[in-house]
Amino acid sequence: MYAACVSDSMAEGSVSVAEVETAFQKFAVHGDTKATGKEMNGKNFAKLCKDCHVIDGKNITTTDADIVFSKVKAKSARVITFEQFNQAMTELAPKRFKGKSKEEALQQLYGLIAGKEPSNVGVTKVAKASAVDRLTDTTKYTGSHKERFDESGKGKGKAGREDIPDTSGYVSSYKGSGTYDDKVKEA
C-alpha cells in the first residue's frame, strides 16, 4: 500500500523515502544514548510532529499524535518502526491537509518532515549573568570566605576552612609558649 502511493507520486518529483527515513532516524536517537535509530519512542514521535509542524494546533493536536502513535504500535511495545511510522503518517495526512487526496496529503506531510533534525530550542545554556559572576568569582569574596582561596582562586582545603588551634601549651589561652626556659635561666 505504502510503496504504491510513493511510486505514483515519485513521478511528480516529490520527497524521497530516504530523506524521510533519515529524519526518522535522527529523531529516533534524539535524547537517547542507547537508541539505534531503527525504532522511535512516543516522546520522540511527538517531538518530530511538533518540530516538523505536523502538529498545527488546529487540525492535529499533540493528543491526536499520541492517539495515532498508540494505534500503530504493537500492543505491548513502547516503540514504533519506520513501517509503523509510515502508517501513522498515512493516518495523520488527511487530517492535516483537508480537501486533498490521500497521496497528495501524504506527500505534503513527508515534505514537512524530510531533511529536518531535532531542534534544541529551550535547551539551557551556560548563564553569564552578573549575579552568578559575582558569586563564582573568588577574588570578590570577603570576610572569612576570602581566606579559603589563594591568589589564583584555587581552594586551600582544610587549612582555609578551619581555624586549627595551637595545642602546644597546657592552658588554652597561654601566649608565652616556649619562654619558660628563658625565665628559669634568668633566675
Protein backbone atom coordinates (compact mmCIF):
# COMPACT_ATOMS: atom_id res chain seq x y z
CA MET A 1 0.00 0.00 0.00
CA TYR A 2 2.72 2.46 1.00
CA ALA A 3 5.00 1.62 -1.92
CA ALA A 4 2.16 2.22 -4.37
CA CYS A 5 1.42 5.75 -3.19
CA VAL A 6 5.13 6.63 -3.18
CA SER A 7 5.75 5.29 -6.68
CA ASP A 8 2.71 7.16 -8.10
CA SER A 9 3.80 10.49 -6.74
CA MET A 10 7.52 9.99 -7.26
CA ALA A 11 6.95 10.92 -10.90
CA GLU A 12 5.83 14.37 -9.73
CA GLY A 13 9.30 15.00 -8.24
CA SER A 14 8.31 14.71 -4.60
CA VAL A 15 10.18 13.84 -1.43
CA SER A 16 12.22 10.64 -1.40
CA VAL A 17 11.63 7.96 1.22
CA ALA A 18 15.34 8.03 2.11
CA GLU A 19 15.07 11.68 3.24
CA VAL A 20 12.08 10.88 5.44
CA GLU A 21 13.85 7.82 6.86
CA THR A 22 16.94 9.92 7.65
CA ALA A 23 14.78 12.40 9.56
CA PHE A 24 13.08 9.46 11.33
CA GLN A 25 16.48 8.10 12.43
CA LYS A 26 17.69 11.49 13.68
CA PHE A 27 14.58 11.96 15.79
CA ALA A 28 14.68 8.31 16.95
CA VAL A 29 18.13 8.70 18.54
CA HIS A 30 17.45 12.19 19.94
CA GLY A 31 17.96 12.27 23.71
CA ASP A 32 18.64 8.53 23.98
CA THR A 33 22.24 7.34 24.04
CA LYS A 34 21.28 3.67 23.64
CA ALA A 35 18.94 4.17 20.65
CA THR A 36 19.85 2.58 17.31
CA GLY A 37 17.67 4.77 15.09
CA LYS A 38 15.51 1.87 13.89
CA GLU A 39 12.76 2.40 16.48
CA MET A 40 11.19 5.58 17.86
CA ASN A 41 9.51 6.08 21.23
CA GLY A 42 6.37 8.13 21.84
CA LYS A 43 8.22 11.17 23.20
CA ASN A 44 10.40 11.44 20.11
CA PHE A 45 7.40 10.84 17.82
CA ALA A 46 5.65 13.79 19.49
CA LYS A 47 8.85 15.87 19.12
CA LEU A 48 9.07 15.01 15.41
CA CYS A 49 5.43 16.02 14.94
CA LYS A 50 5.98 19.33 16.77
CA ASP A 51 9.34 20.26 15.21
CA CYS A 52 8.22 19.41 11.66
CA HIS A 53 4.91 21.29 12.11
CA VAL A 54 2.80 18.17 11.58
CA ILE A 55 1.01 19.33 14.74
CA ASP A 56 -0.56 22.66 13.78
CA GLY A 57 -2.76 23.12 16.85
CA LYS A 58 -6.00 23.23 14.81
CA ASN A 59 -6.37 20.11 12.67
CA ILE A 60 -3.82 17.98 14.52
CA THR A 61 -3.00 18.40 18.21
CA THR A 62 -0.49 16.61 20.43
CA THR A 63 -3.34 14.39 21.62
CA ASP A 64 -4.07 13.30 18.03
CA ALA A 65 -0.39 12.45 17.52
CA ASP A 66 -0.34 10.39 20.74
CA ILE A 67 -3.52 8.52 19.77
CA VAL A 68 -2.16 7.66 16.32
CA PHE A 69 1.13 6.51 17.90
CA SER A 70 -0.82 4.19 20.22
CA LYS A 71 -2.85 2.83 17.28
CA VAL A 72 0.12 1.89 15.10
CA LYS A 73 2.44 0.45 17.76
CA ALA A 74 2.22 -3.19 18.79
CA LYS A 75 0.06 -3.89 21.86
CA SER A 76 2.85 -4.39 24.41
CA ALA A 77 5.52 -2.33 22.62
CA ARG A 78 6.66 1.16 23.57
CA VAL A 79 8.32 1.96 20.24
CA ILE A 80 7.41 2.03 16.54
CA THR A 81 9.44 1.02 13.49
CA PHE A 82 9.76 3.04 10.28
CA GLU A 83 6.96 0.98 8.66
CA GLN A 84 4.64 1.75 11.59
CA PHE A 85 5.74 5.39 11.37
CA ASN A 86 4.58 5.41 7.73
CA GLN A 87 1.20 4.02 8.82
CA ALA A 88 0.93 6.81 11.39
CA MET A 89 1.73 9.43 8.74
CA THR A 90 -0.88 7.88 6.41
CA GLU A 91 -3.47 8.36 9.18
CA LEU A 92 -2.38 11.91 10.05
CA ALA A 93 -2.01 13.23 6.47
CA PRO A 94 -5.72 13.55 5.55
CA LYS A 95 -6.38 15.31 8.88
CA ARG A 96 -3.53 17.79 8.39
CA PHE A 97 -4.28 18.62 4.74
CA LYS A 98 -8.06 18.51 4.40
CA GLY A 99 -9.56 18.52 0.91
CA LYS A 100 -6.59 16.77 -0.74
CA SER A 101 -6.29 13.20 -1.88
CA LYS A 102 -4.57 10.75 0.49
CA GLU A 103 -1.48 10.58 -1.74
CA GLU A 104 -1.15 14.36 -2.08
CA ALA A 105 -1.66 14.89 1.64
CA LEU A 106 0.89 12.18 2.47
CA GLN A 107 3.47 13.72 0.13
CA GLN A 108 2.94 17.17 1.64
CA LEU A 109 3.35 15.70 5.11
CA TYR A 110 6.58 13.98 4.03
CA GLY A 111 7.69 17.33 2.60
CA LEU A 112 7.39 18.82 6.08
CA ILE A 113 9.45 16.01 7.64
CA ALA A 114 12.20 15.43 5.02
CA GLY A 115 15.61 16.84 5.89
CA LYS A 116 14.60 18.01 9.38
CA GLU A 117 16.58 17.49 12.58
CA PRO A 118 15.55 17.75 16.23
CA SER A 119 15.76 21.37 17.31
CA ASN A 120 17.28 22.24 20.65
CA VAL A 121 15.04 25.20 21.42
CA GLY A 122 14.71 25.77 25.13
CA VAL A 123 17.89 23.87 25.98
CA THR A 124 19.66 25.61 28.84
CA LYS A 125 22.90 27.40 28.05
CA VAL A 126 25.70 28.47 30.41
CA ALA A 127 24.49 31.56 32.21
CA LYS A 128 26.84 34.54 32.35
CA ALA A 129 24.62 36.80 34.44
CA SER A 130 26.28 39.39 36.65
CA ALA A 131 24.75 37.84 39.77
CA VAL A 132 26.24 34.42 39.01
CA ASP A 133 29.54 36.00 38.01
CA ARG A 134 29.72 37.81 41.35
CA LEU A 135 29.03 34.61 43.27
CA THR A 136 31.62 32.48 41.48
CA ASP A 137 34.50 34.99 41.30
CA THR A 138 36.76 34.14 44.27
CA THR A 139 38.59 37.49 44.08
CA LYS A 140 35.41 39.27 45.19
CA TYR A 141 34.92 37.17 48.34
CA THR A 142 35.08 38.99 51.67
CA GLY A 143 35.47 38.04 55.33
CA SER A 144 36.37 34.52 56.33
CA HIS A 145 35.47 33.16 52.88
CA LYS A 146 38.35 35.15 51.38
CA GLU A 147 40.79 33.05 53.42
CA ARG A 148 39.61 29.83 51.77
CA PHE A 149 41.27 30.57 48.40
CA ASP A 150 44.78 31.56 47.34
CA GLU A 151 45.55 34.31 44.77
CA SER A 152 44.93 32.02 41.79
CA GLY A 153 41.42 31.16 43.03
CA LYS A 154 42.31 27.59 43.98
CA GLY A 155 40.88 26.36 47.26
CA LYS A 156 43.25 25.87 50.19
CA GLY A 157 41.33 22.88 51.52
CA LYS A 158 41.00 22.28 55.27
CA ALA A 159 43.56 24.95 56.12
CA GLY A 160 41.33 27.62 54.60
CA ARG A 161 38.13 26.31 56.19
CA GLU A 162 39.05 25.64 59.80
CA ASP A 163 40.91 27.56 62.45
CA ILE A 164 43.38 24.89 63.52
CA PRO A 165 44.28 25.57 67.18
CA ASP A 166 47.83 25.53 68.51
CA THR A 167 47.73 22.81 71.16
CA SER A 168 51.37 23.10 72.23
CA GLY A 169 50.64 24.76 75.63
CA TYR A 170 48.82 23.13 78.51
CA VAL A 171 46.50 26.12 79.06
CA SER A 172 44.29 27.13 76.15
CA SER A 173 44.90 30.91 76.16
CA TYR A 174 48.60 30.90 77.20
CA LYS A 175 50.52 33.24 74.87
CA GLY A 176 54.07 32.83 76.15
CA SER A 177 54.65 29.38 74.73
CA GLY A 178 58.34 28.43 74.62
CA THR A 179 59.52 31.18 77.02
CA TYR A 180 59.71 29.09 80.23
CA ASP A 181 63.32 28.03 79.72
CA ASP A 182 64.41 31.67 79.35
CA LYS A 183 62.71 32.62 82.63
CA VAL A 184 64.32 29.71 84.51
CA LYS A 185 67.81 30.63 83.27
CA GLU A 186 67.38 34.24 84.41
CA ALA A 187 66.59 33.21 87.97
